[in-house]
């Protein structure tokens, strides 16, 4: 991958959000619609994690989210950000802080 400058990195707004609601996107195997508290607002994000995580296992989880990604409709559902995850054996693994942190904390 191409290297980026520190200025490019500083343009990314990644914060810790807390999952408030989660539901599968109808008609899909992998998509989950998440309502995430990011401190000063709530965001709806669509993520390809429904094949790995149950809705009830996501509620209350703290996860990093890229906030300043341009909004996009995915299967007709608006997504206003992107959660950060690792892919292992073609399955998503969510990242999370090792201890509880304030919602909206900036990832650096």
PDB file of N, CA and C in Angstrom:
ATOM      1  N   UNK A   1       0.833  -1.184   0.000  1.00  0.00           N
ATOM      2  CA  UNK A   1       0.000   0.000   0.000  1.00  0.00           C
ATOM      3  C   UNK A   1       0.872   1.238   0.000  1.00  0.00           C
ATOM      4  N   UNK A   2       0.309   2.277  -0.531  1.00  0.00           N
ATOM      5  CA  UNK A   2       1.007   3.552  -0.603  1.00  0.00           C
ATOM      6  C   UNK A   2       1.129   4.178   0.782  1.00  0.00           C
ATOM      7  N   UNK A   3       2.299   4.742   1.081  1.00  0.00           N
ATOM      8  CA  UNK A   3       2.480   5.455   2.346  1.00  0.00           C
ATOM      9  C   UNK A   3       1.676   6.744   2.326  1.00  0.00           C
ATOM     10  N   UNK A   4       1.208   7.161   3.501  1.00  0.00           N
ATOM     11  CA  UNK A   4       0.515   8.433   3.610  1.00  0.00           C
ATOM     12  C   UNK A   4       1.320   9.341   4.527  1.00  0.00           C
ATOM     13  N   UNK A   5       1.062  10.620   4.407  1.00  0.00           N
ATOM     14  CA  UNK A   5       1.768  11.590   5.244  1.00  0.00           C
ATOM     15  C   UNK A   5       1.065  11.727   6.584  1.00  0.00           C
ATOM     16  N   UNK A   6       1.748  12.348   7.530  1.00  0.00           N
ATOM     17  CA  UNK A   6       1.129  12.621   8.825  1.00  0.00           C
ATOM     18  C   UNK A   6      -0.094  13.506   8.632  1.00  0.00           C
ATOM     19  N   UNK A   7      -0.026  14.423   7.681  1.00  0.00           N
ATOM     20  CA  UNK A   7      -1.170  15.302   7.407  1.00  0.00           C
ATOM     21  C   UNK A   7      -2.373  14.487   6.939  1.00  0.00           C
ATOM     22  N   UNK A   8      -2.132  13.449   6.114  1.00  0.00           N
ATOM     23  CA  UNK A   8      -3.234  12.574   5.692  1.00  0.00           C
ATOM     24  C   UNK A   8      -3.823  11.845   6.900  1.00  0.00           C
ATOM     25  N   UNK A   9      -2.968  11.303   7.761  1.00  0.00           N
ATOM     26  CA  UNK A   9      -3.425  10.599   8.959  1.00  0.00           C
ATOM     27  C   UNK A   9      -4.254  11.537   9.836  1.00  0.00           C
ATOM     28  N   UNK A  10      -3.814  12.778   9.976  1.00  0.00           N
ATOM     29  CA  UNK A  10      -4.518  13.719  10.857  1.00  0.00           C
ATOM     30  C   UNK A  10      -5.899  14.096  10.326  1.00  0.00           C
ATOM     31  N   UNK A  11      -6.201  13.788   9.084  1.00  0.00           N
ATOM     32  CA  UNK A  11      -7.522  14.058   8.509  1.00  0.00           C
ATOM     33  C   UNK A  11      -8.554  13.019   8.941  1.00  0.00           C
ATOM     34  N   UNK A  12      -8.098  11.869   9.459  1.00  0.00           N
ATOM     35  CA  UNK A  12      -9.016  10.809   9.864  1.00  0.00           C
ATOM     36  C   UNK A  12      -9.561  11.100  11.256  1.00  0.00           C
ATOM     37  N   UNK A  13     -10.878  11.071  11.386  1.00  0.00           N
ATOM     38  CA  UNK A  13     -11.524  11.272  12.684  1.00  0.00           C
ATOM     39  C   UNK A  13     -12.031   9.917  13.163  1.00  0.00           C
ATOM     40  N   UNK A  14     -11.204   9.256  13.976  1.00  0.00           N
ATOM     41  CA  UNK A  14     -11.542   7.937  14.516  1.00  0.00           C
ATOM     42  C   UNK A  14     -11.803   8.110  16.003  1.00  0.00           C
ATOM     43  N   UNK A  15     -12.993   7.681  16.431  1.00  0.00           N
ATOM     44  CA  UNK A  15     -13.385   7.835  17.824  1.00  0.00           C
ATOM     45  C   UNK A  15     -13.989   6.535  18.342  1.00  0.00           C
ATOM     46  N   UNK A  16     -14.044   6.433  19.656  1.00  0.00           N
ATOM     47  CA  UNK A  16     -14.679   5.271  20.277  1.00  0.00           C
ATOM     48  C   UNK A  16     -16.173   5.542  20.402  1.00  0.00           C
ATOM     49  N   UNK A  17     -16.955   4.614  19.887  1.00  0.00           N
ATOM     50  CA  UNK A  17     -18.404   4.698  19.988  1.00  0.00           C
ATOM     51  C   UNK A  17     -18.940   3.509  20.761  1.00  0.00           C
ATOM     52  N   UNK A  18     -20.159   3.660  21.273  1.00  0.00           N
ATOM     53  CA  UNK A  18     -20.812   2.575  22.020  1.00  0.00           C
ATOM     54  C   UNK A  18     -22.058   2.158  21.253  1.00  0.00           C
ATOM     55  N   UNK A  19     -22.175   0.858  20.981  1.00  0.00           N
ATOM     56  CA  UNK A  19     -23.310   0.340  20.224  1.00  0.00           C
ATOM     57  C   UNK A  19     -24.565   0.396  21.088  1.00  0.00           C
ATOM     58  N   UNK A  20     -25.581   1.109  20.581  1.00  0.00           N
ATOM     59  CA  UNK A  20     -26.857   1.242  21.281  1.00  0.00           C
ATOM     60  C   UNK A  20     -27.885   0.232  20.771  1.00  0.00           C
ATOM     61  N   UNK A  21     -27.911   0.028  19.459  1.00  0.00           N
ATOM     62  CA  UNK A  21     -28.856  -0.889  18.821  1.00  0.00           C
ATOM     63  C   UNK A  21     -28.132  -1.624  17.700  1.00  0.00           C
ATOM     64  N   UNK A  22     -28.595  -2.819  17.425  1.00  0.00           N
ATOM     65  CA  UNK A  22     -28.045  -3.601  16.321  1.00  0.00           C
ATOM     66  C   UNK A  22     -29.163  -4.439  15.723  1.00  0.00           C
ATOM     67  N   UNK A  23     -29.227  -4.466  14.402  1.00  0.00           N
ATOM     68  CA  UNK A  23     -30.201  -5.334  13.733  1.00  0.00           C
ATOM     69  C   UNK A  23     -29.660  -5.733  12.370  1.00  0.00           C
ATOM     70  N   UNK A  24     -30.004  -6.933  11.977  1.00  0.00           N
ATOM     71  CA  UNK A  24     -29.557  -7.426  10.672  1.00  0.00           C
ATOM     72  C   UNK A  24     -30.244  -6.640   9.573  1.00  0.00           C
ATOM     73  N   UNK A  25     -29.542  -6.441   8.474  1.00  0.00           N
ATOM     74  CA  UNK A  25     -30.137  -5.810   7.301  1.00  0.00           C
ATOM     75  C   UNK A  25     -30.872  -6.903   6.542  1.00  0.00           C
ATOM     76  N   UNK A  26     -32.177  -6.715   6.398  1.00  0.00           N
ATOM     77  CA  UNK A  26     -33.035  -7.711   5.768  1.00  0.00           C
ATOM     78  C   UNK A  26     -32.549  -8.053   4.359  1.00  0.00           C
ATOM     79  N   UNK A  27     -32.554  -9.345   4.061  1.00  0.00           N
ATOM     80  CA  UNK A  27     -32.166  -9.817   2.740  1.00  0.00           C
ATOM     81  C   UNK A  27     -30.672  -9.974   2.534  1.00  0.00           C
ATOM     82  N   UNK A  28     -29.902  -9.851   3.622  1.00  0.00           N
ATOM     83  CA  UNK A  28     -28.447 -10.023   3.516  1.00  0.00           C
ATOM     84  C   UNK A  28     -27.975 -11.040   4.548  1.00  0.00           C
ATOM     85  N   UNK A  29     -26.819 -11.642   4.267  1.00  0.00           N
ATOM     86  CA  UNK A  29     -26.236 -12.609   5.197  1.00  0.00           C
ATOM     87  C   UNK A  29     -25.250 -11.970   6.166  1.00  0.00           C
ATOM     88  N   UNK A  30     -24.576 -10.897   5.732  1.00  0.00           N
ATOM     89  CA  UNK A  30     -23.486 -10.341   6.521  1.00  0.00           C
ATOM     90  C   UNK A  30     -23.761  -8.965   7.118  1.00  0.00           C
ATOM     91  N   UNK A  31     -24.719  -8.228   6.573  1.00  0.00           N
ATOM     92  CA  UNK A  31     -24.844  -6.831   6.969  1.00  0.00           C
ATOM     93  C   UNK A  31     -25.650  -6.633   8.248  1.00  0.00           C
ATOM     94  N   UNK A  32     -25.119  -5.762   9.093  1.00  0.00           N
ATOM     95  CA  UNK A  32     -25.736  -5.395  10.354  1.00  0.00           C
ATOM     96  C   UNK A  32     -25.833  -3.868  10.383  1.00  0.00           C
ATOM     97  N   UNK A  33     -27.006  -3.366  10.781  1.00  0.00           N
ATOM     98  CA  UNK A  33     -27.204  -1.930  10.966  1.00  0.00           C
ATOM     99  C   UNK A  33     -27.007  -1.631  12.438  1.00  0.00           C
ATOM    100  N   UNK A  34     -26.098  -0.717  12.727  1.00  0.00           N
ATOM    101  CA  UNK A  34     -25.759  -0.366  14.103  1.00  0.00           C
ATOM    102  C   UNK A  34     -26.100   1.091  14.374  1.00  0.00           C
ATOM    103  N   UNK A  35     -26.673   1.367  15.533  1.00  0.00           N
ATOM    104  CA  UNK A  35     -26.833   2.727  16.028  1.00  0.00           C
ATOM    105  C   UNK A  35     -25.751   2.899  17.082  1.00  0.00           C
ATOM    106  N   UNK A  36     -24.883   3.905  16.864  1.00  0.00           N
ATOM    107  CA  UNK A  36     -23.705   4.059  17.708  1.00  0.00           C
ATOM    108  C   UNK A  36     -23.667   5.445  18.334  1.00  0.00           C
ATOM    109  N   UNK A  37     -23.504   5.492  19.655  1.00  0.00           N
ATOM    110  CA  UNK A  37     -23.321   6.743  20.388  1.00  0.00           C
ATOM    111  C   UNK A  37     -21.853   7.127  20.266  1.00  0.00           C
ATOM    112  N   UNK A  38     -21.604   8.331  19.727  1.00  0.00           N
ATOM    113  CA  UNK A  38     -20.219   8.785  19.596  1.00  0.00           C
ATOM    114  C   UNK A  38     -19.946  10.000  20.484  1.00  0.00           C
ATOM    115  N   UNK A  39     -20.789  10.172  21.484  1.00  0.00           N
ATOM    116  CA  UNK A  39     -20.585  11.251  22.440  1.00  0.00           C
ATOM    117  C   UNK A  39     -21.493  12.433  22.204  1.00  0.00           C
ATOM    118  N   UNK A  40     -21.289  13.113  21.099  1.00  0.00           N
ATOM    119  CA  UNK A  40     -22.074  14.305  20.816  1.00  0.00           C
ATOM    120  C   UNK A  40     -23.258  14.037  19.879  1.00  0.00           C
ATOM    121  N   UNK A  41     -23.386  12.815  19.393  1.00  0.00           N
ATOM    122  CA  UNK A  41     -24.490  12.432  18.510  1.00  0.00           C
ATOM    123  C   UNK A  41     -24.546  10.916  18.391  1.00  0.00           C
ATOM    124  N   UNK A  42     -25.580  10.452  17.719  1.00  0.00           N
ATOM    125  CA  UNK A  42     -25.688   9.035  17.395  1.00  0.00           C
ATOM    126  C   UNK A  42     -25.540   8.882  15.895  1.00  0.00           C
ATOM    127  N   UNK A  43     -24.872   7.816  15.484  1.00  0.00           N
ATOM    128  CA  UNK A  43     -24.636   7.546  14.073  1.00  0.00           C
ATOM    129  C   UNK A  43     -25.172   6.183  13.710  1.00  0.00           C
ATOM    130  N   UNK A  44     -25.668   6.071  12.483  1.00  0.00           N
ATOM    131  CA  UNK A  44     -26.059   4.772  11.935  1.00  0.00           C
ATOM    132  C   UNK A  44     -24.939   4.309  11.017  1.00  0.00           C
ATOM    133  N   UNK A  45     -24.485   3.089  11.232  1.00  0.00           N
ATOM    134  CA  UNK A  45     -23.396   2.518  10.439  1.00  0.00           C
ATOM    135  C   UNK A  45     -23.806   1.113  10.011  1.00  0.00           C
ATOM    136  N   UNK A  46     -23.506   0.774   8.774  1.00  0.00           N
ATOM    137  CA  UNK A  46     -23.736  -0.578   8.269  1.00  0.00           C
ATOM    138  C   UNK A  46     -22.389  -1.284   8.221  1.00  0.00           C
ATOM    139  N   UNK A  47     -22.345  -2.494   8.764  1.00  0.00           N
ATOM    140  CA  UNK A  47     -21.092  -3.245   8.826  1.00  0.00           C
ATOM    141  C   UNK A  47     -21.317  -4.699   8.437  1.00  0.00           C
ATOM    142  N   UNK A  48     -20.338  -5.306   7.805  1.00  0.00           N
ATOM    143  CA  UNK A  48     -20.411  -6.701   7.390  1.00  0.00           C
ATOM    144  C   UNK A  48     -19.982  -7.647   8.487  1.00  0.00           C
ATOM    145  N   UNK A  49     -20.764  -7.695   9.578  1.00  0.00           N
ATOM    146  CA  UNK A  49     -20.382  -8.504  10.735  1.00  0.00           C
ATOM    147  C   UNK A  49     -21.482  -9.459  11.193  1.00  0.00           C
ATOM    148  N   UNK A  50     -22.616  -9.478  10.516  1.00  0.00           N
ATOM    149  CA  UNK A  50     -23.760 -10.279  10.976  1.00  0.00           C
ATOM    150  C   UNK A  50     -23.504 -11.776  10.881  1.00  0.00           C
ATOM    151  N   UNK A  51     -22.537 -12.189  10.088  1.00  0.00           N
ATOM    152  CA  UNK A  51     -22.217 -13.615  10.002  1.00  0.00           C
ATOM    153  C   UNK A  51     -21.338 -14.077  11.160  1.00  0.00           C
ATOM    154  N   UNK A  52     -20.857 -13.118  11.966  1.00  0.00           N
ATOM    155  CA  UNK A  52     -19.955 -13.435  13.074  1.00  0.00           C
ATOM    156  C   UNK A  52     -20.560 -13.058  14.428  1.00  0.00           C
ATOM    157  N   UNK A  53     -21.263 -11.941  14.481  1.00  0.00           N
ATOM    158  CA  UNK A  53     -21.776 -11.414  15.747  1.00  0.00           C
ATOM    159  C   UNK A  53     -23.299 -11.433  15.787  1.00  0.00           C
ATOM    160  N   UNK A  54     -23.845 -11.750  16.953  1.00  0.00           N
ATOM    161  CA  UNK A  54     -25.284 -11.681  17.193  1.00  0.00           C
ATOM    162  C   UNK A  54     -25.620 -10.272  17.660  1.00  0.00           C
ATOM    163  N   UNK A  55     -26.814  -9.830  17.339  1.00  0.00           N
ATOM    164  CA  UNK A  55     -27.213  -8.471  17.727  1.00  0.00           C
ATOM    165  C   UNK A  55     -27.058  -8.249  19.233  1.00  0.00           C
ATOM    166  N   UNK A  56     -27.482  -9.215  20.032  1.00  0.00           N
ATOM    167  CA  UNK A  56     -27.434  -9.038  21.488  1.00  0.00           C
ATOM    168  C   UNK A  56     -26.009  -8.982  22.034  1.00  0.00           C
ATOM    169  N   UNK A  57     -25.036  -9.516  21.294  1.00  0.00           N
ATOM    170  CA  UNK A  57     -23.643  -9.471  21.732  1.00  0.00           C
ATOM    171  C   UNK A  57     -22.977  -8.125  21.442  1.00  0.00           C
ATOM    172  N   UNK A  58     -23.631  -7.311  20.627  1.00  0.00           N
ATOM    173  CA  UNK A  58     -23.043  -6.032  20.236  1.00  0.00           C
ATOM    174  C   UNK A  58     -23.480  -4.868  21.119  1.00  0.00           C
ATOM    175  N   UNK A  59     -24.671  -4.959  21.696  1.00  0.00           N
ATOM    176  CA  UNK A  59     -25.208  -3.864  22.499  1.00  0.00           C
ATOM    177  C   UNK A  59     -24.270  -3.572  23.673  1.00  0.00           C
ATOM    178  N   UNK A  60     -23.884  -2.300  23.789  1.00  0.00           N
ATOM    179  CA  UNK A  60     -23.007  -1.878  24.879  1.00  0.00           C
ATOM    180  C   UNK A  60     -21.527  -1.973  24.583  1.00  0.00           C
ATOM    181  N   UNK A  61     -21.157  -2.589  23.467  1.00  0.00           N
ATOM    182  CA  UNK A  61     -19.724  -2.713  23.130  1.00  0.00           C
ATOM    183  C   UNK A  61     -19.157  -1.377  22.691  1.00  0.00           C
ATOM    184  N   UNK A  62     -17.938  -1.115  23.119  1.00  0.00           N
ATOM    185  CA  UNK A  62     -17.198   0.045  22.650  1.00  0.00           C
ATOM    186  C   UNK A  62     -16.331  -0.388  21.483  1.00  0.00           C
ATOM    187  N   UNK A  63     -16.434   0.366  20.369  1.00  0.00           N
ATOM    188  CA  UNK A  63     -15.679   0.035  19.162  1.00  0.00           C
ATOM    189  C   UNK A  63     -15.184   1.312  18.500  1.00  0.00           C
ATOM    190  N   UNK A  64     -14.059   1.239  17.796  1.00  0.00           N
ATOM    191  CA  UNK A  64     -13.599   2.414  17.057  1.00  0.00           C
ATOM    192  C   UNK A  64     -14.392   2.580  15.762  1.00  0.00           C
ATOM    193  N   UNK A  65     -14.677   3.824  15.434  1.00  0.00           N
ATOM    194  CA  UNK A  65     -15.428   4.133  14.220  1.00  0.00           C
ATOM    195  C   UNK A  65     -14.787   5.324  13.509  1.00  0.00           C
ATOM    196  N   UNK A  66     -14.628   5.184  12.202  1.00  0.00           N
ATOM    197  CA  UNK A  66     -14.147   6.271  11.357  1.00  0.00           C
ATOM    198  C   UNK A  66     -15.347   7.142  11.040  1.00  0.00           C
ATOM    199  N   UNK A  67     -15.334   8.374  11.544  1.00  0.00           N
ATOM    200  CA  UNK A  67     -16.508   9.233  11.446  1.00  0.00           C
ATOM    201  C   UNK A  67     -16.574  10.073  10.180  1.00  0.00           C
ATOM    202  N   UNK A  68     -15.448  10.524   9.675  1.00  0.00           N
ATOM    203  CA  UNK A  68     -15.512  11.474   8.573  1.00  0.00           C
ATOM    204  C   UNK A  68     -15.396  10.818   7.198  1.00  0.00           C
ATOM    205  N   UNK A  69     -15.936   9.620   7.100  1.00  0.00           N
ATOM    206  CA  UNK A  69     -16.091   8.943   5.819  1.00  0.00           C
ATOM    207  C   UNK A  69     -17.399   9.428   5.206  1.00  0.00           C
ATOM    208  N   UNK A  70     -17.373   9.724   3.930  1.00  0.00           N
ATOM    209  CA  UNK A  70     -18.580  10.202   3.260  1.00  0.00           C
ATOM    210  C   UNK A  70     -19.701   9.175   3.402  1.00  0.00           C
ATOM    211  N   UNK A  71     -20.906   9.647   3.731  1.00  0.00           N
ATOM    212  CA  UNK A  71     -22.064   8.761   3.900  1.00  0.00           C
ATOM    213  C   UNK A  71     -22.350   8.013   2.598  1.00  0.00           C
ATOM    214  N   UNK A  72     -22.837   6.766   2.757  1.00  0.00           N
ATOM    215  CA  UNK A  72     -23.104   5.921   1.599  1.00  0.00           C
ATOM    216  C   UNK A  72     -24.276   5.006   1.915  1.00  0.00           C
ATOM    217  N   UNK A  73     -25.131   4.772   0.927  1.00  0.00           N
ATOM    218  CA  UNK A  73     -26.218   3.805   1.095  1.00  0.00           C
ATOM    219  C   UNK A  73     -25.696   2.416   0.737  1.00  0.00           C
ATOM    220  N   UNK A  74     -25.885   1.476   1.635  1.00  0.00           N
ATOM    221  CA  UNK A  74     -25.478   0.088   1.414  1.00  0.00           C
ATOM    222  C   UNK A  74     -26.739  -0.758   1.493  1.00  0.00           C
ATOM    223  N   UNK A  75     -27.098  -1.386   0.380  1.00  0.00           N
ATOM    224  CA  UNK A  75     -28.346  -2.167   0.289  1.00  0.00           C
ATOM    225  C   UNK A  75     -29.540  -1.327   0.741  1.00  0.00           C
ATOM    226  N   UNK A  76     -29.504  -0.038   0.380  1.00  0.00           N
ATOM    227  CA  UNK A  76     -30.607   0.857   0.684  1.00  0.00           C
ATOM    228  C   UNK A  76     -30.611   1.431   2.084  1.00  0.00           C
ATOM    229  N   UNK A  77     -29.584   1.139   2.893  1.00  0.00           N
ATOM    230  CA  UNK A  77     -29.504   1.637   4.265  1.00  0.00           C
ATOM    231  C   UNK A  77     -28.323   2.604   4.352  1.00  0.00           C
ATOM    232  N   UNK A  78     -28.584   3.832   4.843  1.00  0.00           N
ATOM    233  CA  UNK A  78     -27.520   4.826   4.931  1.00  0.00           C
ATOM    234  C   UNK A  78     -26.515   4.459   6.018  1.00  0.00           C
ATOM    235  N   UNK A  79     -25.230   4.583   5.671  1.00  0.00           N
ATOM    236  CA  UNK A  79     -24.139   4.339   6.604  1.00  0.00           C
ATOM    237  C   UNK A  79     -23.322   5.618   6.700  1.00  0.00           C
ATOM    238  N   UNK A  80     -23.163   6.121   7.936  1.00  0.00           N
ATOM    239  CA  UNK A  80     -22.448   7.378   8.162  1.00  0.00           C
ATOM    240  C   UNK A  80     -21.188   7.138   8.986  1.00  0.00           C
ATOM    241  N   UNK A  81     -20.330   6.282   8.460  1.00  0.00           N
ATOM    242  CA  UNK A  81     -19.074   5.962   9.119  1.00  0.00           C
ATOM    243  C   UNK A  81     -18.695   4.530   8.834  1.00  0.00           C
ATOM    244  N   UNK A  82     -17.591   4.094   9.441  1.00  0.00           N
ATOM    245  CA  UNK A  82     -17.121   2.723   9.253  1.00  0.00           C
ATOM    246  C   UNK A  82     -16.503   2.243  10.554  1.00  0.00           C
ATOM    247  N   UNK A  83     -16.933   1.071  11.003  1.00  0.00           N
ATOM    248  CA  UNK A  83     -16.298   0.507  12.193  1.00  0.00           C
ATOM    249  C   UNK A  83     -14.950  -0.083  11.782  1.00  0.00           C
ATOM    250  N   UNK A  84     -14.041  -0.163  12.721  1.00  0.00           N
ATOM    251  CA  UNK A  84     -12.734  -0.745  12.441  1.00  0.00           C
ATOM    252  C   UNK A  84     -12.699  -2.163  12.982  1.00  0.00           C
ATOM    253  N   UNK A  85     -12.248  -3.075  12.155  1.00  0.00           N
ATOM    254  CA  UNK A  85     -12.174  -4.486  12.515  1.00  0.00           C
ATOM    255  C   UNK A  85     -10.984  -5.110  11.801  1.00  0.00           C
ATOM    256  N   UNK A  86     -10.616  -6.277  12.250  1.00  0.00           N
ATOM    257  CA  UNK A  86      -9.579  -7.086  11.619  1.00  0.00           C
ATOM    258  C   UNK A  86     -10.293  -8.240  10.923  1.00  0.00           C
ATOM    259  N   UNK A  87      -9.768  -8.689   9.807  1.00  0.00           N
ATOM    260  CA  UNK A  87     -10.343  -9.849   9.130  1.00  0.00           C
ATOM    261  C   UNK A  87      -9.389 -11.027   9.317  1.00  0.00           C
ATOM    262  N   UNK A  88      -9.906 -12.096   9.923  1.00  0.00           N
ATOM    263  CA  UNK A  88      -9.140 -13.314  10.160  1.00  0.00           C
ATOM    264  C   UNK A  88      -9.938 -14.462   9.561  1.00  0.00           C
ATOM    265  N   UNK A  89      -9.311 -15.210   8.660  1.00  0.00           N
ATOM    266  CA  UNK A  89      -9.996 -16.316   7.987  1.00  0.00           C
ATOM    267  C   UNK A  89     -11.315 -15.864   7.374  1.00  0.00           C
ATOM    268  N   UNK A  90     -11.289 -14.665   6.764  1.00  0.00           N
ATOM    269  CA  UNK A  90     -12.436 -14.077   6.061  1.00  0.00           C
ATOM    270  C   UNK A  90     -13.601 -13.733   6.980  1.00  0.00           C
ATOM    271  N   UNK A  91     -13.346 -13.622   8.288  1.00  0.00           N
ATOM    272  CA  UNK A  91     -14.363 -13.241   9.266  1.00  0.00           C
ATOM    273  C   UNK A  91     -13.896 -11.993  10.012  1.00  0.00           C
ATOM    274  N   UNK A  92     -14.841 -11.073  10.262  1.00  0.00           N
ATOM    275  CA  UNK A  92     -14.515  -9.846  10.983  1.00  0.00           C
ATOM    276  C   UNK A  92     -14.304 -10.120  12.463  1.00  0.00           C
ATOM    277  N   UNK A  93     -13.315  -9.450  13.024  1.00  0.00           N
ATOM    278  CA  UNK A  93     -13.060  -9.487  14.466  1.00  0.00           C
ATOM    279  C   UNK A  93     -13.026  -8.024  14.912  1.00  0.00           C
ATOM    280  N   UNK A  94     -13.971  -7.647  15.774  1.00  0.00           N
ATOM    281  CA  UNK A  94     -14.056  -6.264  16.217  1.00  0.00           C
ATOM    282  C   UNK A  94     -12.899  -5.891  17.134  1.00  0.00           C
ATOM    283  N   UNK A  95     -12.456  -4.661  17.010  1.00  0.00           N
ATOM    284  CA  UNK A  95     -11.451  -4.097  17.903  1.00  0.00           C
ATOM    285  C   UNK A  95     -12.180  -3.415  19.048  1.00  0.00           C
ATOM    286  N   UNK A  96     -11.548  -3.351  20.212  1.00  0.00           N
ATOM    287  CA  UNK A  96     -12.148  -2.633  21.331  1.00  0.00           C
ATOM    288  C   UNK A  96     -11.058  -2.240  22.309  1.00  0.00           C
ATOM    289  N   UNK A  97     -11.287  -1.153  23.058  1.00  0.00           N
ATOM    290  CA  UNK A  97     -10.298  -0.744  24.057  1.00  0.00           C
ATOM    291  C   UNK A  97     -10.144  -1.816  25.134  1.00  0.00           C
ATOM    292  N   UNK A  98      -8.961  -1.910  25.719  1.00  0.00           N
ATOM    293  CA  UNK A  98      -8.734  -2.927  26.751  1.00  0.00           C
ATOM    294  C   UNK A  98      -9.438  -2.598  28.058  1.00  0.00           C
ATOM    295  N   UNK A  99      -9.823  -1.337  28.250  1.00  0.00           N
ATOM    296  CA  UNK A  99     -10.640  -0.958  29.401  1.00  0.00           C
ATOM    297  C   UNK A  99     -11.648   0.087  28.930  1.00  0.00           C
ATOM    298  N   UNK A 100     -12.681   0.303  29.747  1.00  0.00           N
ATOM    299  CA  UNK A 100     -13.731   1.243  29.373  1.00  0.00           C
ATOM    300  C   UNK A 100     -13.144   2.661  29.251  1.00  0.00           C
ATOM    301  N   UNK A 101     -13.520   3.340  28.184  1.00  0.00           N
ATOM    302  CA  UNK A 101     -13.083   4.722  27.953  1.00  0.00           C
ATOM    303  C   UNK A 101     -14.310   5.569  27.667  1.00  0.00           C
ATOM    304  N   UNK A 102     -14.199   6.889  27.809  1.00  0.00           N
ATOM    305  CA  UNK A 102     -15.353   7.734  27.524  1.00  0.00           C
ATOM    306  C   UNK A 102     -15.760   7.630  26.050  1.00  0.00           C
ATOM    307  N   UNK A 103     -17.078   7.545  25.824  1.00  0.00           N
ATOM    308  CA  UNK A 103     -17.603   7.528  24.464  1.00  0.00           C
ATOM    309  C   UNK A 103     -17.182   8.825  23.778  1.00  0.00           C
ATOM    310  N   UNK A 104     -16.739   8.722  22.540  1.00  0.00           N
ATOM    311  CA  UNK A 104     -16.290   9.881  21.787  1.00  0.00           C
ATOM    312  C   UNK A 104     -14.794  10.122  21.889  1.00  0.00           C
ATOM    313  N   UNK A 105     -14.081   9.299  22.684  1.00  0.00           N
ATOM    314  CA  UNK A 105     -12.628   9.458  22.802  1.00  0.00           C
ATOM    315  C   UNK A 105     -11.968   9.303  21.439  1.00  0.00           C
ATOM    316  N   UNK A 106     -11.025  10.186  21.139  1.00  0.00           N
ATOM    317  CA  UNK A 106     -10.332  10.161  19.858  1.00  0.00           C
ATOM    318  C   UNK A 106      -9.246   9.078  19.864  1.00  0.00           C
ATOM    319  N   UNK A 107      -9.185   8.308  18.784  1.00  0.00           N
ATOM    320  CA  UNK A 107      -8.135   7.299  18.601  1.00  0.00           C
ATOM    321  C   UNK A 107      -6.961   7.994  17.915  1.00  0.00           C
ATOM    322  N   UNK A 108      -5.782   7.815  18.485  1.00  0.00           N
ATOM    323  CA  UNK A 108      -4.590   8.469  17.918  1.00  0.00           C
ATOM    324  C   UNK A 108      -3.526   7.469  17.623  1.00  0.00           C
TER     325      UNK A 108
END
